[in-house]
């Protein structure tokens, strides 16, 4: 039962990260379509062009959310989300967001990609870290607002 709850929480977190990256994928696709100067910039249709970007950016959000969930599960094992400080959540979010571009950059280094591809990965890593950190902090603040108040401790009489 605990495993299934943790797995559902991990999938929800991955979905929470995927949604903003899907929107970013659509925005980038439309911008690149309009700013390319050629209409169309490839032999794809606009829908195909947007779908390609949505899949790529959505995969980035999914990987980032899964990685963040696994980091939180391992790093904050015995704490509820409400018990973790805002700074730690922001740090975990930034690490989780920057992980996919760093991973892709490392794979590029291993397989001999040209150096020109690393600058966009650095920019994407910074943007991803900032987005993931802000989403993680907003999720923490929402969880703290929803948290049930703890019952007050009942005073006990001293024993002799």
C-alpha atoms as a PDB file:
ATOM      1  CA  UNK A   1       0.000   0.000   0.000  1.00  0.00           C
ATOM      2  CA  UNK A   2       2.791   2.460   0.898  1.00  0.00           C
ATOM      3  CA  UNK A   3       4.632   1.647  -2.330  1.00  0.00           C
ATOM      4  CA  UNK A   4       1.577   2.372  -4.448  1.00  0.00           C
ATOM      5  CA  UNK A   5       1.037   5.704  -2.662  1.00  0.00           C
ATOM      6  CA  UNK A   6       4.654   6.657  -3.243  1.00  0.00           C
ATOM      7  CA  UNK A   7       4.456   5.605  -6.884  1.00  0.00           C
ATOM      8  CA  UNK A   8       1.285   7.641  -7.411  1.00  0.00           C
ATOM      9  CA  UNK A   9       2.948  10.636  -5.755  1.00  0.00           C
ATOM     10  CA  UNK A  10       5.960  10.228  -8.059  1.00  0.00           C
ATOM     11  CA  UNK A  11       3.703  10.116 -11.122  1.00  0.00           C
ATOM     12  CA  UNK A  12       1.792  13.203  -9.953  1.00  0.00           C
ATOM     13  CA  UNK A  13       5.056  15.062  -9.443  1.00  0.00           C
ATOM     14  CA  UNK A  14       6.260  14.043 -12.903  1.00  0.00           C
ATOM     15  CA  UNK A  15       2.958  15.238 -14.379  1.00  0.00           C
ATOM     16  CA  UNK A  16       3.232  18.511 -12.471  1.00  0.00           C
ATOM     17  CA  UNK A  17       6.603  19.108 -14.089  1.00  0.00           C
ATOM     18  CA  UNK A  18       5.504  17.970 -17.545  1.00  0.00           C
ATOM     19  CA  UNK A  19       2.646  20.470 -17.900  1.00  0.00           C
ATOM     20  CA  UNK A  20       4.715  23.708 -17.817  1.00  0.00           C
ATOM     21  CA  UNK A  21       7.284  22.196 -20.164  1.00  0.00           C
ATOM     22  CA  UNK A  22       4.534  21.280 -22.647  1.00  0.00           C
ATOM     23  CA  UNK A  23       3.457  24.935 -22.675  1.00  0.00           C
ATOM     24  CA  UNK A  24       7.076  26.047 -23.131  1.00  0.00           C
ATOM     25  CA  UNK A  25       7.411  23.577 -26.022  1.00  0.00           C
ATOM     26  CA  UNK A  26       4.400  25.105 -27.789  1.00  0.00           C
ATOM     27  CA  UNK A  27       5.725  28.635 -27.257  1.00  0.00           C
ATOM     28  CA  UNK A  28       9.197  27.754 -28.535  1.00  0.00           C
ATOM     29  CA  UNK A  29       7.770  25.949 -31.556  1.00  0.00           C
ATOM     30  CA  UNK A  30       5.574  28.881 -32.559  1.00  0.00           C
ATOM     31  CA  UNK A  31       8.414  31.339 -31.989  1.00  0.00           C
ATOM     32  CA  UNK A  32      10.857  29.293 -34.063  1.00  0.00           C
ATOM     33  CA  UNK A  33       8.252  28.869 -36.827  1.00  0.00           C
ATOM     34  CA  UNK A  34       7.631  32.610 -37.040  1.00  0.00           C
ATOM     35  CA  UNK A  35      11.242  33.753 -36.492  1.00  0.00           C
ATOM     36  CA  UNK A  36      12.822  31.364 -39.000  1.00  0.00           C
ATOM     37  CA  UNK A  37      12.217  33.604 -42.026  1.00  0.00           C
ATOM     38  CA  UNK A  38      11.216  30.616 -44.158  1.00  0.00           C
ATOM     39  CA  UNK A  39       7.618  29.477 -44.288  1.00  0.00           C
ATOM     40  CA  UNK A  40       7.645  26.638 -43.373  1.00  0.00           C
ATOM     41  CA  UNK A  41      11.136  26.251 -41.862  1.00  0.00           C
ATOM     42  CA  UNK A  42      11.073  22.535 -42.649  1.00  0.00           C
ATOM     43  CA  UNK A  43       8.910  20.320 -44.783  1.00  0.00           C
ATOM     44  CA  UNK A  44       6.704  19.657 -41.707  1.00  0.00           C
ATOM     45  CA  UNK A  45       3.310  21.182 -41.154  1.00  0.00           C
ATOM     46  CA  UNK A  46       2.806  23.603 -38.275  1.00  0.00           C
ATOM     47  CA  UNK A  47       1.029  20.902 -36.255  1.00  0.00           C
ATOM     48  CA  UNK A  48       3.896  18.462 -36.814  1.00  0.00           C
ATOM     49  CA  UNK A  49       6.432  21.141 -35.902  1.00  0.00           C
ATOM     50  CA  UNK A  50       4.575  21.930 -32.655  1.00  0.00           C
ATOM     51  CA  UNK A  51       4.118  18.229 -31.861  1.00  0.00           C
ATOM     52  CA  UNK A  52       7.854  17.625 -32.257  1.00  0.00           C
ATOM     53  CA  UNK A  53       8.640  20.413 -29.799  1.00  0.00           C
ATOM     54  CA  UNK A  54       5.918  19.332 -27.376  1.00  0.00           C
ATOM     55  CA  UNK A  55       7.286  15.786 -27.265  1.00  0.00           C
ATOM     56  CA  UNK A  56      10.850  16.976 -26.692  1.00  0.00           C
ATOM     57  CA  UNK A  57      10.036  19.555 -24.039  1.00  0.00           C
ATOM     58  CA  UNK A  58       7.429  17.313 -22.409  1.00  0.00           C
ATOM     59  CA  UNK A  59      10.028  14.546 -22.121  1.00  0.00           C
ATOM     60  CA  UNK A  60      12.380  17.034 -20.465  1.00  0.00           C
ATOM     61  CA  UNK A  61       9.691  17.937 -17.921  1.00  0.00           C
ATOM     62  CA  UNK A  62       8.850  14.282 -17.295  1.00  0.00           C
ATOM     63  CA  UNK A  63      12.491  13.327 -16.714  1.00  0.00           C
ATOM     64  CA  UNK A  64      12.996  16.371 -14.504  1.00  0.00           C
ATOM     65  CA  UNK A  65       9.907  15.586 -12.402  1.00  0.00           C
ATOM     66  CA  UNK A  66      10.848  11.938 -12.011  1.00  0.00           C
ATOM     67  CA  UNK A  67      14.386  12.866 -11.018  1.00  0.00           C
ATOM     68  CA  UNK A  68      13.158  15.419  -8.489  1.00  0.00           C
ATOM     69  CA  UNK A  69      10.733  12.899  -7.003  1.00  0.00           C
ATOM     70  CA  UNK A  70      13.482  10.337  -6.615  1.00  0.00           C
ATOM     71  CA  UNK A  71      15.780  12.964  -5.063  1.00  0.00           C
ATOM     72  CA  UNK A  72      13.100  13.955  -2.572  1.00  0.00           C
ATOM     73  CA  UNK A  73      12.308  10.334  -1.748  1.00  0.00           C
ATOM     74  CA  UNK A  74      15.961   9.591  -1.072  1.00  0.00           C
ATOM     75  CA  UNK A  75      17.095  12.870   0.472  1.00  0.00           C
ATOM     76  CA  UNK A  76      14.047  13.608   2.649  1.00  0.00           C
ATOM     77  CA  UNK A  77      13.111  10.055   3.597  1.00  0.00           C
ATOM     78  CA  UNK A  78      11.500  10.522   6.947  1.00  0.00           C
ATOM     79  CA  UNK A  79       9.968  13.959   6.459  1.00  0.00           C
ATOM     80  CA  UNK A  80       6.628  15.045   5.153  1.00  0.00           C
ATOM     81  CA  UNK A  81       6.641  17.764   2.523  1.00  0.00           C
ATOM     82  CA  UNK A  82       5.412  20.318   5.034  1.00  0.00           C
ATOM     83  CA  UNK A  83       8.413  19.593   7.278  1.00  0.00           C
ATOM     84  CA  UNK A  84      11.058  20.344   4.645  1.00  0.00           C
ATOM     85  CA  UNK A  85      12.387  23.903   4.551  1.00  0.00           C
ATOM     86  CA  UNK A  86      11.648  26.122   1.580  1.00  0.00           C
ATOM     87  CA  UNK A  87      15.353  26.526   0.804  1.00  0.00           C
ATOM     88  CA  UNK A  88      15.906  22.765   0.634  1.00  0.00           C
ATOM     89  CA  UNK A  89      12.906  22.323  -1.660  1.00  0.00           C
ATOM     90  CA  UNK A  90      14.213  25.089  -3.909  1.00  0.00           C
ATOM     91  CA  UNK A  91      17.632  23.418  -3.997  1.00  0.00           C
ATOM     92  CA  UNK A  92      16.152  19.986  -4.795  1.00  0.00           C
ATOM     93  CA  UNK A  93      14.005  21.584  -7.500  1.00  0.00           C
ATOM     94  CA  UNK A  94      16.992  23.314  -9.081  1.00  0.00           C
ATOM     95  CA  UNK A  95      19.054  20.109  -9.043  1.00  0.00           C
ATOM     96  CA  UNK A  96      16.141  18.120 -10.466  1.00  0.00           C
ATOM     97  CA  UNK A  97      15.556  20.694 -13.187  1.00  0.00           C
ATOM     98  CA  UNK A  98      19.193  20.979 -14.216  1.00  0.00           C
ATOM     99  CA  UNK A  99      19.770  17.214 -14.269  1.00  0.00           C
ATOM    100  CA  UNK A 100      18.347  16.379 -17.753  1.00  0.00           C
ATOM    101  CA  UNK A 101      20.375  19.024 -19.663  1.00  0.00           C
ATOM    102  CA  UNK A 102      23.495  18.028 -17.733  1.00  0.00           C
ATOM    103  CA  UNK A 103      22.816  14.383 -18.570  1.00  0.00           C
ATOM    104  CA  UNK A 104      22.302  15.194 -22.257  1.00  0.00           C
ATOM    105  CA  UNK A 105      25.466  17.320 -22.266  1.00  0.00           C
ATOM    106  CA  UNK A 106      27.464  14.484 -20.716  1.00  0.00           C
ATOM    107  CA  UNK A 107      26.117  12.080 -23.309  1.00  0.00           C
ATOM    108  CA  UNK A 108      27.103  14.571 -26.014  1.00  0.00           C
ATOM    109  CA  UNK A 109      30.626  14.751 -24.634  1.00  0.00           C
ATOM    110  CA  UNK A 110      30.882  10.972 -24.526  1.00  0.00           C
ATOM    111  CA  UNK A 111      29.630  10.523 -28.077  1.00  0.00           C
ATOM    112  CA  UNK A 112      31.577  13.432 -29.578  1.00  0.00           C
ATOM    113  CA  UNK A 113      28.927  16.076 -30.234  1.00  0.00           C
ATOM    114  CA  UNK A 114      30.256  19.427 -31.502  1.00  0.00           C
ATOM    115  CA  UNK A 115      30.933  22.107 -28.903  1.00  0.00           C
ATOM    116  CA  UNK A 116      28.277  24.412 -30.383  1.00  0.00           C
ATOM    117  CA  UNK A 117      25.477  22.286 -28.881  1.00  0.00           C
ATOM    118  CA  UNK A 118      26.565  22.885 -25.278  1.00  0.00           C
ATOM    119  CA  UNK A 119      25.589  26.566 -25.040  1.00  0.00           C
ATOM    120  CA  UNK A 120      21.876  25.856 -25.605  1.00  0.00           C
ATOM    121  CA  UNK A 121      22.111  23.028 -23.067  1.00  0.00           C
ATOM    122  CA  UNK A 122      23.573  25.407 -20.474  1.00  0.00           C
ATOM    123  CA  UNK A 123      20.753  27.877 -21.117  1.00  0.00           C
ATOM    124  CA  UNK A 124      18.162  25.124 -20.997  1.00  0.00           C
ATOM    125  CA  UNK A 125      19.669  23.829 -17.753  1.00  0.00           C
ATOM    126  CA  UNK A 126      19.453  27.263 -16.143  1.00  0.00           C
ATOM    127  CA  UNK A 127      15.867  27.812 -17.292  1.00  0.00           C
ATOM    128  CA  UNK A 128      14.894  24.299 -16.228  1.00  0.00           C
ATOM    129  CA  UNK A 129      16.488  24.749 -12.808  1.00  0.00           C
ATOM    130  CA  UNK A 130      14.679  28.055 -12.271  1.00  0.00           C
ATOM    131  CA  UNK A 131      11.303  26.686 -13.367  1.00  0.00           C
ATOM    132  CA  UNK A 132      11.662  23.488 -11.358  1.00  0.00           C
ATOM    133  CA  UNK A 133      12.760  25.377  -8.272  1.00  0.00           C
ATOM    134  CA  UNK A 134       9.838  27.812  -8.451  1.00  0.00           C
ATOM    135  CA  UNK A 135       7.299  25.029  -9.085  1.00  0.00           C
ATOM    136  CA  UNK A 136       8.731  23.029  -6.168  1.00  0.00           C
ATOM    137  CA  UNK A 137       8.492  26.000  -3.824  1.00  0.00           C
ATOM    138  CA  UNK A 138       4.921  26.770  -4.915  1.00  0.00           C
ATOM    139  CA  UNK A 139       3.975  23.107  -4.393  1.00  0.00           C
ATOM    140  CA  UNK A 140       5.524  23.246  -0.915  1.00  0.00           C
ATOM    141  CA  UNK A 141       3.629  26.402  -0.017  1.00  0.00           C
ATOM    142  CA  UNK A 142       0.379  24.864  -1.263  1.00  0.00           C
ATOM    143  CA  UNK A 143       1.045  21.731   0.783  1.00  0.00           C
ATOM    144  CA  UNK A 144       1.703  23.838   3.878  1.00  0.00           C
ATOM    145  CA  UNK A 145      -1.604  25.675   3.377  1.00  0.00           C
ATOM    146  CA  UNK A 146      -3.489  22.387   3.024  1.00  0.00           C
ATOM    147  CA  UNK A 147      -1.784  20.685   5.957  1.00  0.00           C
ATOM    148  CA  UNK A 148      -4.087  19.776   8.775  1.00  0.00           C
ATOM    149  CA  UNK A 149      -3.260  21.489  12.029  1.00  0.00           C
ATOM    150  CA  UNK A 150      -1.575  19.203  14.533  1.00  0.00           C
ATOM    151  CA  UNK A 151      -3.458  18.695  17.785  1.00  0.00           C
ATOM    152  CA  UNK A 152      -1.873  20.490  20.701  1.00  0.00           C
ATOM    153  CA  UNK A 153       0.142  18.405  23.087  1.00  0.00           C
ATOM    154  CA  UNK A 154      -1.741  17.563  26.227  1.00  0.00           C
ATOM    155  CA  UNK A 155       0.173  18.456  29.340  1.00  0.00           C
ATOM    156  CA  UNK A 156       1.142  15.515  31.473  1.00  0.00           C
ATOM    157  CA  UNK A 157       1.588  15.441  35.186  1.00  0.00           C
ATOM    158  CA  UNK A 158       5.116  14.943  36.399  1.00  0.00           C
ATOM    159  CA  UNK A 159       5.831  11.502  37.768  1.00  0.00           C
ATOM    160  CA  UNK A 160       7.678  10.917  41.005  1.00  0.00           C
END
